[in-house]
C-alpha atoms as a PDB file:
ATOM      1  CA  MET A   1     114.166-147.653-215.049  1.00  0.00           C
ATOM      2  CA  LYS A   2     115.319-148.070-211.508  1.00  0.00           C
ATOM      3  CA  SER A   3     118.889-148.164-213.173  1.00  0.00           C
ATOM      4  CA  PHE A   4     117.839-144.498-215.615  1.00  0.00           C
ATOM      5  CA  THR A   5     116.026-142.708-212.896  1.00  0.00           C
ATOM      6  CA  LYS A   6     119.800-143.821-210.562  1.00  0.00           C
ATOM      7  CA  LYS A   7     121.723-142.491-213.018  1.00  0.00           C
ATOM      8  CA  LEU A   8     119.909-139.221-213.052  1.00  0.00           C
ATOM      9  CA  ALA A   9     120.008-138.432-209.384  1.00  0.00           C
ATOM     10  CA  ILE A  10     123.285-139.369-210.024  1.00  0.00           C
ATOM     11  CA  LEU A  11     123.798-136.653-212.684  1.00  0.00           C
ATOM     12  CA  LEU A  12     121.794-133.904-210.820  1.00  0.00           C
ATOM     13  CA  ILE A  13     124.115-134.552-208.372  1.00  0.00           C
ATOM     14  CA  ALA A  14     127.575-133.547-210.389  1.00  0.00           C
ATOM     15  CA  LEU A  15     125.968-131.103-211.835  1.00  0.00           C
ATOM     16  CA  LEU A  16     125.053-129.260-208.078  1.00  0.00           C
ATOM     17  CA  THR A  17     128.300-129.900-207.305  1.00  0.00           C
ATOM     18  CA  ILE A  18     130.085-128.604-210.733  1.00  0.00           C
ATOM     19  CA  VAL A  19     127.602-125.270-209.860  1.00  0.00           C
ATOM     20  CA  THR A  20     128.913-124.867-206.611  1.00  0.00           C
ATOM     21  CA  LEU A  21     132.650-125.359-207.006  1.00  0.00           C
ATOM     22  CA  MET A  22     131.894-122.042-209.643  1.00  0.00           C
ATOM     23  CA  PRO A  23     133.057-118.882-208.311  1.00  0.00           C
ATOM     24  CA  LEU A  24     130.152-116.246-208.840  1.00  0.00           C
ATOM     25  CA  SER A  25     130.818-113.497-210.218  1.00  0.00           C
ATOM     26  CA  LYS A  26     128.332-110.527-209.552  1.00  0.00           C
ATOM     27  CA  VAL A  27     128.263-108.051-211.937  1.00  0.00           C
ATOM     28  CA  PHE A  28     126.428-104.237-210.709  1.00  0.00           C
ATOM     29  CA  ALA A  29     124.883-102.397-213.709  1.00  0.00           C
ATOM     30  CA  ALA A  30     126.301 -98.774-213.965  1.00  0.00           C
ATOM     31  CA  ASN A  31     125.810 -96.387-211.481  1.00  0.00           C
ATOM     32  CA  GLU A  32     124.044 -98.380-209.443  1.00  0.00           C
ATOM     33  CA  ASP A  33     126.667 -98.898-207.137  1.00  0.00           C
ATOM     34  CA  ILE A  34     128.820 -95.880-208.044  1.00  0.00           C
ATOM     35  CA  GLN A  35     128.956 -92.699-209.129  1.00  0.00           C
ATOM     36  CA  LEU A  36     131.530 -90.775-211.308  1.00  0.00           C
ATOM     37  CA  VAL A  37     132.028 -87.309-211.892  1.00  0.00           C
ATOM     38  CA  LYS A  38     134.319 -85.741-214.406  1.00  0.00           C
ATOM     39  CA  ALA A  39     137.264 -83.381-213.007  1.00  0.00           C
ATOM     40  CA  THR A  40     138.045 -80.035-214.128  1.00  0.00           C
ATOM     41  CA  ASN A  41     141.800 -81.435-215.042  1.00  0.00           C
ATOM     42  CA  GLY A  42     139.842 -84.517-216.977  1.00  0.00           C
ATOM     43  CA  ASN A  43     140.076 -86.664-214.757  1.00  0.00           C
ATOM     44  CA  ILE A  44     137.079 -89.104-213.973  1.00  0.00           C
ATOM     45  CA  VAL A  45     136.788 -89.776-210.092  1.00  0.00           C
ATOM     46  CA  ILE A  46     134.740 -93.071-209.156  1.00  0.00           C
ATOM     47  CA  TYR A  47     132.552 -92.590-205.625  1.00  0.00           C
ATOM     48  CA  VAL A  48     132.071 -96.731-204.395  1.00  0.00           C
ATOM     49  CA  ASN A  49     128.440 -96.441-203.102  1.00  0.00           C
ATOM     50  CA  GLY A  50     129.299 -97.489-199.259  1.00  0.00           C
ATOM     51  CA  LEU A  51     132.841 -96.648-199.560  1.00  0.00           C
ATOM     52  CA  GLU A  52     132.931 -92.957-199.238  1.00  0.00           C
ATOM     53  CA  LYS A  53     134.683 -92.718-195.458  1.00  0.00           C
ATOM     54  CA  ASN A  54     136.999 -96.297-195.968  1.00  0.00           C
ATOM     55  CA  ASP A  55     140.438 -96.447-197.678  1.00  0.00           C
ATOM     56  CA  PHE A  56     140.115 -98.980-200.395  1.00  0.00           C
ATOM     57  CA  ALA A  57     141.855-100.734-203.520  1.00  0.00           C
ATOM     58  CA  TYR A  58     140.871-100.805-207.130  1.00  0.00           C
ATOM     59  CA  ALA A  59     141.710-101.743-210.594  1.00  0.00           C
ATOM     60  CA  LEU A  60     140.631-101.802-213.866  1.00  0.00           C
ATOM     61  CA  SER A  61     139.757-104.567-216.686  1.00  0.00           C
ATOM     62  CA  ASN A  62     138.235-104.901-219.438  1.00  0.00           C
ATOM     63  CA  LYS A  63     137.436-108.918-218.653  1.00  0.00           C
ATOM     64  CA  GLU A  64     134.739-109.670-216.225  1.00  0.00           C
ATOM     65  CA  GLY A  65     135.798-112.290-213.769  1.00  0.00           C
ATOM     66  CA  ALA A  66     139.209-111.489-213.724  1.00  0.00           C
ATOM     67  CA  THR A  67     141.600-113.298-212.236  1.00  0.00           C
ATOM     68  CA  GLU A  68     143.756-111.894-209.077  1.00  0.00           C
ATOM     69  CA  GLY A  69     147.207-112.182-211.621  1.00  0.00           C
ATOM     70  CA  GLU A  70     145.268-110.034-214.254  1.00  0.00           C
ATOM     71  CA  LEU A  71     144.564-107.450-211.764  1.00  0.00           C
ATOM     72  CA  THR A  72     146.943-104.642-210.973  1.00  0.00           C
ATOM     73  CA  TYR A  73     144.995-102.407-207.899  1.00  0.00           C
ATOM     74  CA  LYS A  74     145.589 -99.042-206.914  1.00  0.00           C
ATOM     75  CA  LYS A  75     145.164 -97.683-203.451  1.00  0.00           C
ATOM     76  CA  SER A  76     141.464 -94.638-202.856  1.00  0.00           C
ATOM     77  CA  VAL A  77     142.928 -91.123-202.710  1.00  0.00           C
ATOM     78  CA  LEU A  78     140.839 -88.459-201.008  1.00  0.00           C
ATOM     79  CA  ASP A  79     138.677 -85.660-202.929  1.00  0.00           C
ATOM     80  CA  SER A  80     139.151 -82.708-200.832  1.00  0.00           C
ATOM     81  CA  GLU A  81     141.821 -81.802-198.411  1.00  0.00           C
ATOM     82  CA  ASN A  82     139.074 -81.201-195.394  1.00  0.00           C
ATOM     83  CA  SER A  83     139.649 -84.179-193.735  1.00  0.00           C
ATOM     84  CA  GLU A  84     136.368 -83.888-192.336  1.00  0.00           C
ATOM     85  CA  GLU A  85     134.274 -83.822-195.708  1.00  0.00           C
ATOM     86  CA  ALA A  86     136.618 -85.784-197.725  1.00  0.00           C
ATOM     87  CA  ASN A  87     135.624 -88.794-199.359  1.00  0.00           C
ATOM     88  CA  TYR A  88     137.470 -92.037-200.246  1.00  0.00           C
ATOM     89  CA  VAL A  89     137.669 -92.258-204.469  1.00  0.00           C
ATOM     90  CA  ALA A  90     139.464 -94.368-207.132  1.00  0.00           C
ATOM     91  CA  VAL A  91     140.828 -91.835-210.173  1.00  0.00           C
ATOM     92  CA  VAL A  92     141.194 -93.116-213.929  1.00  0.00           C
ATOM     93  CA  THR A  93     141.593 -91.019-217.092  1.00  0.00           C
ATOM     94  CA  PRO A  94     139.375 -90.895-219.806  1.00  0.00           C
ATOM     95  CA  GLU A  95     141.390 -93.478-221.301  1.00  0.00           C
ATOM     96  CA  GLU A  96     141.655 -96.101-219.331  1.00  0.00           C
ATOM     97  CA  LEU A  97     138.102 -95.630-218.798  1.00  0.00           C
ATOM     98  CA  SER A  98     137.592 -96.050-222.214  1.00  0.00           C
ATOM     99  CA  GLN A  99     139.552 -99.066-222.799  1.00  0.00           C
ATOM    100  CA  ASN A 100     137.897-100.871-219.365  1.00  0.00           C
ATOM    101  CA  GLY A 101     134.165-101.678-218.335  1.00  0.00           C
ATOM    102  CA  TYR A 102     134.629-103.340-215.422  1.00  0.00           C
ATOM    103  CA  LEU A 103     135.815-102.501-211.673  1.00  0.00           C
ATOM    104  CA  TYR A 104     137.447-104.496-209.321  1.00  0.00           C
ATOM    105  CA  VAL A 105     137.502-103.396-205.360  1.00  0.00           C
ATOM    106  CA  LYS A 106     138.841-104.336-202.559  1.00  0.00           C
ATOM    107  CA  LYS A 107     138.330-103.615-198.559  1.00  0.00           C
ATOM    108  CA  ASN A 108     141.003-104.268-196.170  1.00  0.00           C
ATOM    109  CA  GLY A 109     142.173-107.324-198.789  1.00  0.00           C
ATOM    110  CA  GLU A 110     138.574-108.539-199.653  1.00  0.00           C
ATOM    111  CA  ASP A 111     136.874-108.584-202.689  1.00  0.00           C
ATOM    112  CA  VAL A 112     134.339-105.648-202.203  1.00  0.00           C
ATOM    113  CA  ALA A 113     132.443-107.172-205.375  1.00  0.00           C
ATOM    114  CA  ASN A 114     134.146-109.165-207.773  1.00  0.00           C
ATOM    115  CA  THR A 115     132.803-106.944-211.360  1.00  0.00           C
ATOM    116  CA  ILE A 116     131.091-103.602-211.196  1.00  0.00           C
ATOM    117  CA  GLN A 117     130.148-102.936-214.556  1.00  0.00           C
ATOM    118  CA  ILE A 118     130.427 -99.605-216.113  1.00  0.00           C
ATOM    119  CA  ASN A 119     129.044 -98.059-218.651  1.00  0.00           C
ATOM    120  CA  ALA A 120     129.941 -94.613-218.766  1.00  0.00           C
ATOM    121  CA  ASP A 121     129.748 -91.829-222.157  1.00  0.00           C
ATOM    122  CA  VAL A 122     133.354 -90.041-221.592  1.00  0.00           C
ATOM    123  CA  ASN A 123     132.109 -87.365-223.810  1.00  0.00           C
ATOM    124  CA  ASN A 124     129.069 -87.223-222.029  1.00  0.00           C
ATOM    125  CA  MET A 125     129.425 -86.810-218.727  1.00  0.00           C
ATOM    126  CA  PHE A 126     128.528 -84.660-215.225  1.00  0.00           C
ATOM    127  CA  THR A 127     131.331 -83.003-214.228  1.00  0.00           C
ATOM    128  CA  GLN A 128     132.491 -81.082-211.253  1.00  0.00           C
ATOM    129  CA  GLU A 129     131.362 -77.475-212.839  1.00  0.00           C
ATOM    130  CA  GLN A 130     127.677 -78.689-213.104  1.00  0.00           C
ATOM    131  CA  MET A 131     128.137 -79.915-209.334  1.00  0.00           C
ATOM    132  CA  SER A 132     129.159 -76.792-208.097  1.00  0.00           C
ATOM    133  CA  LEU A 133     126.794 -74.874-209.831  1.00  0.00           C
ATOM    134  CA  VAL A 134     124.115 -77.232-208.571  1.00  0.00           C
ATOM    135  CA  GLU A 135     125.099 -76.866-204.863  1.00  0.00           C
ATOM    136  CA  ASN A 136     124.925 -73.068-205.360  1.00  0.00           C
ATOM    137  CA  THR A 137     121.616 -72.799-207.003  1.00  0.00           C
ATOM    138  CA  THR A 138     119.325 -70.267-205.350  1.00  0.00           C
ATOM    139  CA  LYS A 139     122.582 -68.458-203.162  1.00  0.00           C
ATOM    140  CA  ARG A 140     123.666 -66.851-206.642  1.00  0.00           C
ATOM    141  CA  ILE A 141     121.438 -63.793-206.264  1.00  0.00           C
ATOM    142  CA  ALA A 142     120.907 -62.614-202.932  1.00  0.00           C
ATOM    143  CA  THR A 143     116.526 -62.453-202.533  1.00  0.00           C
ATOM    144  CA  GLU A 144     114.530 -61.605-199.366  1.00  0.00           C
ATOM    145  CA  VAL A 145     110.573 -63.752-199.837  1.00  0.00           C
ATOM    146  CA  ILE A 146     107.784 -61.456-199.035  1.00  0.00           C
ATOM    147  CA  THR A 147     104.791 -62.575-198.165  1.00  0.00           C
ATOM    148  CA  ASP A 148     101.920 -59.799-197.977  1.00  0.00           C
ATOM    149  CA  SER A 149     103.034 -57.416-200.638  1.00  0.00           C
ATOM    150  CA  ASN A 150     100.968 -55.949-203.956  1.00  0.00           C
ATOM    151  CA  SER A 151      98.143 -54.987-202.029  1.00  0.00           C
ATOM    152  CA  ARG A 152      95.030 -53.750-204.157  1.00  0.00           C
ATOM    153  CA  GLU A 153      91.263 -52.722-203.116  1.00  0.00           C
ATOM    154  CA  GLU A 154      87.950 -52.363-205.289  1.00  0.00           C
ATOM    155  CA  THR A 155      84.623 -52.118-203.974  1.00  0.00           C
ATOM    156  CA  VAL A 156      81.917 -54.842-205.639  1.00  0.00           C
ATOM    157  CA  ASN A 157      78.829 -54.126-204.212  1.00  0.00           C
ATOM    158  CA  GLU A 158      79.481 -52.269-201.344  1.00  0.00           C
ATOM    159  CA  VAL A 159      81.999 -55.165-200.353  1.00  0.00           C
ATOM    160  CA  LYS A 160      85.784 -54.131-200.095  1.00  0.00           C
ATOM    161  CA  TYR A 161      87.782 -56.977-201.518  1.00  0.00           C
ATOM    162  CA  THR A 162      91.696 -56.382-200.696  1.00  0.00           C
ATOM    163  CA  TYR A 163      93.946 -58.887-202.672  1.00  0.00           C
ATOM    164  CA  THR A 164      97.636 -59.375-201.291  1.00  0.00           C
ATOM    165  CA  VAL A 165     100.549 -61.973-202.718  1.00  0.00           C
ATOM    166  CA  GLY A 166     103.303 -62.795-202.350  1.00  0.00           C
ATOM    167  CA  GLY A 167     107.170 -62.684-204.455  1.00  0.00           C
ATOM    168  CA  LEU A 168     110.569 -61.778-204.353  1.00  0.00           C
ATOM    169  CA  LYS A 169     112.732 -58.459-202.940  1.00  0.00           C
ATOM    170  CA  ILE A 170     115.868 -58.586-204.896  1.00  0.00           C
ATOM    171  CA  THR A 171     118.829 -57.601-202.124  1.00  0.00           C
ATOM    172  CA  ASP A 172     121.355 -57.974-204.605  1.00  0.00           C
ATOM    173  CA  ASP A 173     123.866 -55.771-206.499  1.00  0.00           C
ATOM    174  CA  GLN A 174     121.482 -52.484-206.994  1.00  0.00           C
ATOM    175  CA  THR A 175     123.082 -51.817-210.474  1.00  0.00           C
ATOM    176  CA  ALA A 176     122.742 -54.407-212.493  1.00  0.00           C
ATOM    177  CA  THR A 177     119.264 -55.329-214.233  1.00  0.00           C
ATOM    178  CA  TYR A 178     117.435 -58.250-213.380  1.00  0.00           C
ATOM    179  CA  SER A 179     114.741 -60.329-215.396  1.00  0.00           C
ATOM    180  CA  TYR A 180     113.062 -63.358-214.627  1.00  0.00           C
ATOM    181  CA  VAL A 181     110.493 -66.112-215.948  1.00  0.00           C
ATOM    182  CA  MET A 182     107.929 -67.903-213.156  1.00  0.00           C
ATOM    183  CA  VAL A 183     107.113 -71.690-213.946  1.00  0.00           C
ATOM    184  CA  LYS A 184     103.738 -72.460-211.519  1.00  0.00           C
ATOM    185  CA  LEU A 185     105.008 -76.747-210.527  1.00  0.00           C
ATOM    186  CA  PRO A 186     104.210 -79.999-211.542  1.00  0.00           C
ATOM    187  CA  ALA A 187     105.095 -78.724-215.094  1.00  0.00           C
ATOM    188  CA  ASP A 188     105.339 -81.160-218.139  1.00  0.00           C
ATOM    189  CA  GLY A 189     109.468 -81.894-217.489  1.00  0.00           C
ATOM    190  CA  TYR A 190     110.403 -79.928-214.435  1.00  0.00           C
ATOM    191  CA  THR A 191     107.288 -81.920-212.158  1.00  0.00           C
ATOM    192  CA  ASN A 192     110.813 -82.769-210.213  1.00  0.00           C
ATOM    193  CA  LEU A 193     112.632 -79.853-209.895  1.00  0.00           C
ATOM    194  CA  GLN A 194     111.604 -78.667-206.230  1.00  0.00           C
ATOM    195  CA  ASN A 195     111.561 -82.545-204.942  1.00  0.00           C
ATOM    196  CA  LEU A 196     115.286 -82.319-205.678  1.00  0.00           C
ATOM    197  CA  ALA A 197     115.718 -79.368-204.430  1.00  0.00           C
ATOM    198  CA  ASN A 198     114.187 -80.406-201.219  1.00  0.00           C
ATOM    199  CA  GLU A 199     116.339 -83.901-200.912  1.00  0.00           C
ATOM    200  CA  LEU A 200     119.484 -82.330-201.658  1.00  0.00           C
ATOM    201  CA  ASN A 201     119.378 -80.495-198.798  1.00  0.00           C
ATOM    202  CA  MET A 202     118.637 -83.056-196.558  1.00  0.00           C
ATOM    203  CA  ASN A 203     121.800 -84.124-194.471  1.00  0.00           C
ATOM    204  CA  ASP A 204     121.361 -87.804-194.259  1.00  0.00           C
ATOM    205  CA  LYS A 205     122.342 -88.156-197.778  1.00  0.00           C
ATOM    206  CA  THR A 206     125.638 -89.915-198.948  1.00  0.00           C
ATOM    207  CA  VAL A 207     127.592 -88.518-201.039  1.00  0.00           C
ATOM    208  CA  CYS A 208     126.471 -90.834-204.133  1.00  0.00           C
ATOM    209  CA  ASP A 209     123.076 -90.315-203.542  1.00  0.00           C
ATOM    210  CA  ARG A 210     123.889 -86.608-203.704  1.00  0.00           C
ATOM    211  CA  ILE A 211     125.576 -86.878-206.857  1.00  0.00           C
ATOM    212  CA  GLN A 212     122.923 -88.653-208.496  1.00  0.00           C
ATOM    213  CA  LEU A 213     120.096 -86.015-207.273  1.00  0.00           C
ATOM    214  CA  ALA A 214     122.230 -83.488-208.594  1.00  0.00           C
ATOM    215  CA  ASN A 215     122.886 -85.053-211.896  1.00  0.00           C
ATOM    216  CA  GLU A 216     118.762 -85.083-212.409  1.00  0.00           C
ATOM    217  CA  PHE A 217     118.317 -82.083-211.520  1.00  0.00           C
ATOM    218  CA  TYR A 218     120.702 -80.221-213.360  1.00  0.00           C
ATOM    219  CA  ASN A 219     119.583 -82.126-216.424  1.00  0.00           C
ATOM    220  CA  GLN A 220     115.854 -80.329-215.365  1.00  0.00           C
ATOM    221  CA  TYR A 221     117.060 -76.698-214.210  1.00  0.00           C
ATOM    222  CA  GLN A 222     119.096 -76.682-217.886  1.00  0.00           C
ATOM    223  CA  ALA A 223     116.540 -77.967-219.535  1.00  0.00           C
ATOM    224  CA  LEU A 224     113.987 -74.839-218.166  1.00  0.00           C
ATOM    225  CA  LEU A 225     116.887 -72.089-219.055  1.00  0.00           C
ATOM    226  CA  ASP A 226     117.280 -73.894-221.968  1.00  0.00           C
ATOM    227  CA  ASN A 227     113.011 -73.240-222.745  1.00  0.00           C
ATOM    228  CA  ALA A 228     113.387 -70.194-221.145  1.00  0.00           C
ATOM    229  CA  ASN A 229     116.136 -68.261-223.281  1.00  0.00           C
ATOM    230  CA  ALA A 230     115.026 -70.169-226.458  1.00  0.00           C
ATOM    231  CA  GLU A 231     111.339 -68.795-226.032  1.00  0.00           C
ATOM    232  CA  ASN A 232     112.683 -65.710-224.789  1.00  0.00           C
ATOM    233  CA  SER A 233     110.133 -65.707-222.062  1.00  0.00           C
ATOM    234  CA  TRP A 234     111.943 -63.138-219.677  1.00  0.00           C
ATOM    235  CA  LYS A 235     110.501 -60.404-217.994  1.00  0.00           C
ATOM    236  CA  ALA A 236     112.472 -57.628-216.572  1.00  0.00           C
ATOM    237  CA  VAL A 237     112.254 -57.133-212.675  1.00  0.00           C
ATOM    238  CA  GLU A 238     110.321 -53.326-211.767  1.00  0.00           C
ATOM    239  CA  ASN A 239     111.123 -52.037-208.205  1.00  0.00           C
ATOM    240  CA  MET A 240     113.893 -55.100-207.427  1.00  0.00           C
ATOM    241  CA  GLN A 241     110.722 -56.851-206.500  1.00  0.00           C
ATOM    242  CA  ILE A 242     108.974 -59.932-208.196  1.00  0.00           C
ATOM    243  CA  LEU A 243     104.980 -60.944-207.330  1.00  0.00           C
ATOM    244  CA  GLN A 244     103.356 -63.465-208.350  1.00  0.00           C
ATOM    245  CA  ASN A 245     100.526 -63.627-209.927  1.00  0.00           C
ATOM    246  CA  GLU A 246      96.733 -63.702-208.410  1.00  0.00           C
ATOM    247  CA  ASP A 247      95.461 -66.497-210.322  1.00  0.00           C
ATOM    248  CA  TYR A 248      97.836 -69.044-208.076  1.00  0.00           C
ATOM    249  CA  GLU A 249      95.841 -70.316-205.159  1.00  0.00           C
ATOM    250  CA  ASN A 250      97.726 -70.159-201.614  1.00  0.00           C
ATOM    251  CA  ASN A 251     100.544 -72.451-200.801  1.00  0.00           C
ATOM    252  CA  GLU A 252     100.904 -73.230-204.163  1.00  0.00           C
ATOM    253  CA  ASN A 253     104.566 -74.343-205.270  1.00  0.00           C
ATOM    254  CA  TYR A 254     106.579 -72.291-208.410  1.00  0.00           C
ATOM    255  CA  VAL A 255     109.834 -71.885-209.343  1.00  0.00           C
ATOM    256  CA  VAL A 256     111.482 -68.232-210.675  1.00  0.00           C
ATOM    257  CA  LEU A 257     114.628 -68.319-212.670  1.00  0.00           C
ATOM    258  CA  LEU A 258     116.433 -65.286-212.381  1.00  0.00           C
ATOM    259  CA  LYS A 259     118.985 -63.565-214.291  1.00  0.00           C
ATOM    260  CA  LYS A 260     121.118 -60.666-213.180  1.00  0.00           C
ATOM    261  CA  VAL A 261     123.308 -58.579-215.298  1.00  0.00           C
ATOM    262  CA  ALA A 262     126.392 -56.807-214.485  1.00  0.00           C
ATOM    263  CA  THR A 263     127.159 -53.035-215.307  1.00  0.00           C
ATOM    264  CA  ASP A 264     130.336 -54.933-217.101  1.00  0.00           C
ATOM    265  CA  GLY A 265     127.809 -57.249-218.701  1.00  0.00           C
ATOM    266  CA  THR A 266     128.207 -60.096-217.136  1.00  0.00           C
ATOM    267  CA  THR A 267     125.835 -62.423-216.911  1.00  0.00           C
ATOM    268  CA  THR A 268     124.524 -64.519-213.843  1.00  0.00           C
ATOM    269  CA  TYR A 269     121.333 -67.419-213.487  1.00  0.00           C
ATOM    270  CA  ASP A 270     120.136 -68.753-210.361  1.00  0.00           C
ATOM    271  CA  ALA A 271     116.638 -70.386-209.071  1.00  0.00           C
ATOM    272  CA  LYS A 272     114.138 -69.679-206.462  1.00  0.00           C
ATOM    273  CA  PHE A 273     111.535 -71.981-205.055  1.00  0.00           C
ATOM    274  CA  MET A 274     108.683 -70.340-203.000  1.00  0.00           C
ATOM    275  CA  ASN A 275     105.269 -71.211-201.960  1.00  0.00           C
ATOM    276  CA  THR A 276     102.578 -68.727-202.819  1.00  0.00           C
ATOM    277  CA  GLU A 277     100.927 -66.463-200.702  1.00  0.00           C
ATOM    278  CA  PHE A 278      97.650 -65.225-201.249  1.00  0.00           C
ATOM    279  CA  THR A 279      94.601 -63.448-198.679  1.00  0.00           C
ATOM    280  CA  ASN A 280      91.535 -62.344-199.949  1.00  0.00           C
ATOM    281  CA  THR A 281      89.748 -59.993-197.289  1.00  0.00           C
ATOM    282  CA  GLU A 282      86.394 -58.898-197.586  1.00  0.00           C
ATOM    283  CA  THR A 283      84.791 -56.144-196.030  1.00  0.00           C
ATOM    284  CA  VAL A 284      81.556 -55.050-195.730  1.00  0.00           C
ATOM    285  CA  ILE A 285      80.775 -51.504-196.177  1.00  0.00           C
ATOM    286  CA  PRO A 286      78.558 -49.850-193.295  1.00  0.00           C
ATOM    287  CA  ALA A 287      75.292 -47.910-194.472  1.00  0.00           C
ATOM    288  CA  SER A 288      76.530 -44.251-194.763  1.00  0.00           C
ATOM    289  CA  THR A 289      74.226 -42.364-192.395  1.00  0.00           C
ATOM    290  CA  GLN A 290      73.661 -38.898-193.542  1.00  0.00           C
ATOM    291  CA  GLU A 291      71.763 -36.027-191.231  1.00  0.00           C
ATOM    292  CA  VAL A 292      68.714 -34.987-193.102  1.00  0.00           C
ATOM    293  CA  LYS A 293      67.175 -31.611-192.288  1.00  0.00           C
ATOM    294  CA  LYS A 294      63.094 -30.730-192.515  1.00  0.00           C
ATOM    295  CA  GLN A 295      62.594 -27.608-193.322  1.00  0.00           C
ATOM    296  CA  GLU A 296      59.504 -26.161-192.105  1.00  0.00           C
ATOM    297  CA  THR A 297      57.597 -23.404-192.663  1.00  0.00           C
ATOM    298  CA  SER A 298      56.739 -21.422-189.846  1.00  0.00           C
ATOM    299  CA  LYS A 299      53.345 -20.960-188.807  1.00  0.00           C
ATOM    300  CA  LEU A 300      51.340 -18.149-186.339  1.00  0.00           C
ATOM    301  CA  PRO A 301      49.792 -19.219-183.537  1.00  0.00           C
ATOM    302  CA  ILE A 302      46.172 -19.776-183.341  1.00  0.00           C
ATOM    303  CA  THR A 303      45.553 -18.299-179.732  1.00  0.00           C
ATOM    304  CA  GLY A 304      42.585 -15.681-178.821  1.00  0.00           C
ATOM    305  CA  ASP A 305      44.388 -12.796-178.893  1.00  0.00           C
ATOM    306  CA  SER A 306      45.122 -13.657-182.890  1.00  0.00           C
ATOM    307  CA  ILE A 307      41.082 -13.420-183.703  1.00  0.00           C
ATOM    308  CA  ALA A 308      40.244 -10.292-182.143  1.00  0.00           C
ATOM    309  CA  LEU A 309      42.737  -8.949-184.145  1.00  0.00           C
ATOM    310  CA  PHE A 310      41.531 -10.329-186.700  1.00  0.00           C
ATOM    311  CA  VAL A 311      37.987  -9.308-185.899  1.00  0.00           C
ATOM    312  CA  ILE A 312      39.104  -5.465-185.966  1.00  0.00           C
ATOM    313  CA  LEU A 313      40.845  -5.643-189.280  1.00  0.00           C
ATOM    314  CA  ALA A 314      37.656  -6.964-190.987  1.00  0.00           C
ATOM    315  CA  ALA A 315      35.344  -3.960-189.363  1.00  0.00           C
ATOM    316  CA  LEU A 316      38.641  -1.632-190.675  1.00  0.00           C
ATOM    317  CA  ILE A 317      37.754  -3.369-193.781  1.00  0.00           C
ATOM    318  CA  ILE A 318      34.219  -2.425-193.815  1.00  0.00           C
ATOM    319  CA  MET A 319      34.188   0.622-192.671  1.00  0.00           C
ATOM    320  CA  ALA A 320      36.825   1.964-195.067  1.00  0.00           C
ATOM    321  CA  ILE A 321      34.144   0.552-198.012  1.00  0.00           C
ATOM    322  CA  PHE A 322      31.513   2.517-196.723  1.00  0.00           C
ATOM    323  CA  VAL A 323      33.365   5.426-196.267  1.00  0.00           C
ATOM    324  CA  TYR A 324      34.662   5.033-199.918  1.00  0.00           C
ATOM    325  CA  VAL A 325      30.773   4.551-200.708  1.00  0.00           C
ATOM    326  CA  ARG A 326      29.017   7.569-198.992  1.00  0.00           C
ATOM    327  CA  MET A 327      31.790   9.986-201.108  1.00  0.00           C
ATOM    328  CA  ARG A 328      30.711   8.390-204.064  1.00  0.00           C
ATOM    329  CA  LYS A 329      27.470   9.140-203.635  1.00  0.00           C
ATOM    330  CA  ALA A 330      27.936  13.028-202.667  1.00  0.00           C
ATOM    331  CA  ASN A 331      29.927  13.540-205.653  1.00  0.00           C
ATOM    332  CA  LYS A 332      27.906  12.620-207.717  1.00  0.00           C
ATOM    333  CA  LYS A 333      24.629  14.670-206.440  1.00  0.00           C
ATOM    334  CA  ALA A 334      27.086  17.563-205.957  1.00  0.00           C
ATOM    335  CA  ASP A 335      27.821  16.888-209.911  1.00  0.00           C
ATOM    336  CA  LYS A 336      23.865  17.891-210.473  1.00  0.00           C
END
């Protein structure tokens, strides 16, 4: 029993020694530590996370864990002539990338990672044109924010309601025609669209972070645009203003897709992100006070003089009756 235990211990030590002496080979998932962009000339530009501002050497291989003698290293190059904005990148052809699935990187002669695995579809890759489109989204069609437009008033039960909403005013080419699609966020398929836009505007992102965010943004933006064209849900812009719907609550998020058609037929698309501005002011109408005039029939004042007048009038009437009766009797006697 002791002999068996001793042999087992020796075997375990030997195995641990072999494992310790074996070279370690890290395999990184595609696009975890690198970002790939297809350039306008057809080449593939590879950004290595953490080495954007550092010169490095790189090599491609179709073999994981290739030895030093099996690799041919090239020096990285700058992706821009502007030294302040330029980043160090690896540049390969689509043929090289399709034939080799592993990238080896060295900084100052030391391996950064033995193996970075590349799983990229050369025919379906994020391009520089798409990156530029994302970076210029919200900037292609000039607009201004409206916060207190479309004032509408109505009176219900002696209360006046004033509705005010926000929107956009187009300050771009006034001779062009414009149409729009307004989508309230979050919406199915476009939930993260505004969050992605906000993150892209932050200055603390590396170029690899920005490429990943831009790729996600482009996919959602393009899906929204394709859906608008497929459903033909574009509405004509009137008076160069786009006003939000009254049923939106205050401070909600929405995206406005814009389409501009110039006089020469050129079509430009853009998107704007807005927060809703909605106010509903209630004003109680004060009760109306109309002057009511009373019309009274004039009455003679009852005084002592007026009583005397009535007595005299009555006496005259009695006297007239008396005279009339006597004249009648006199006339009758004369007739006999």
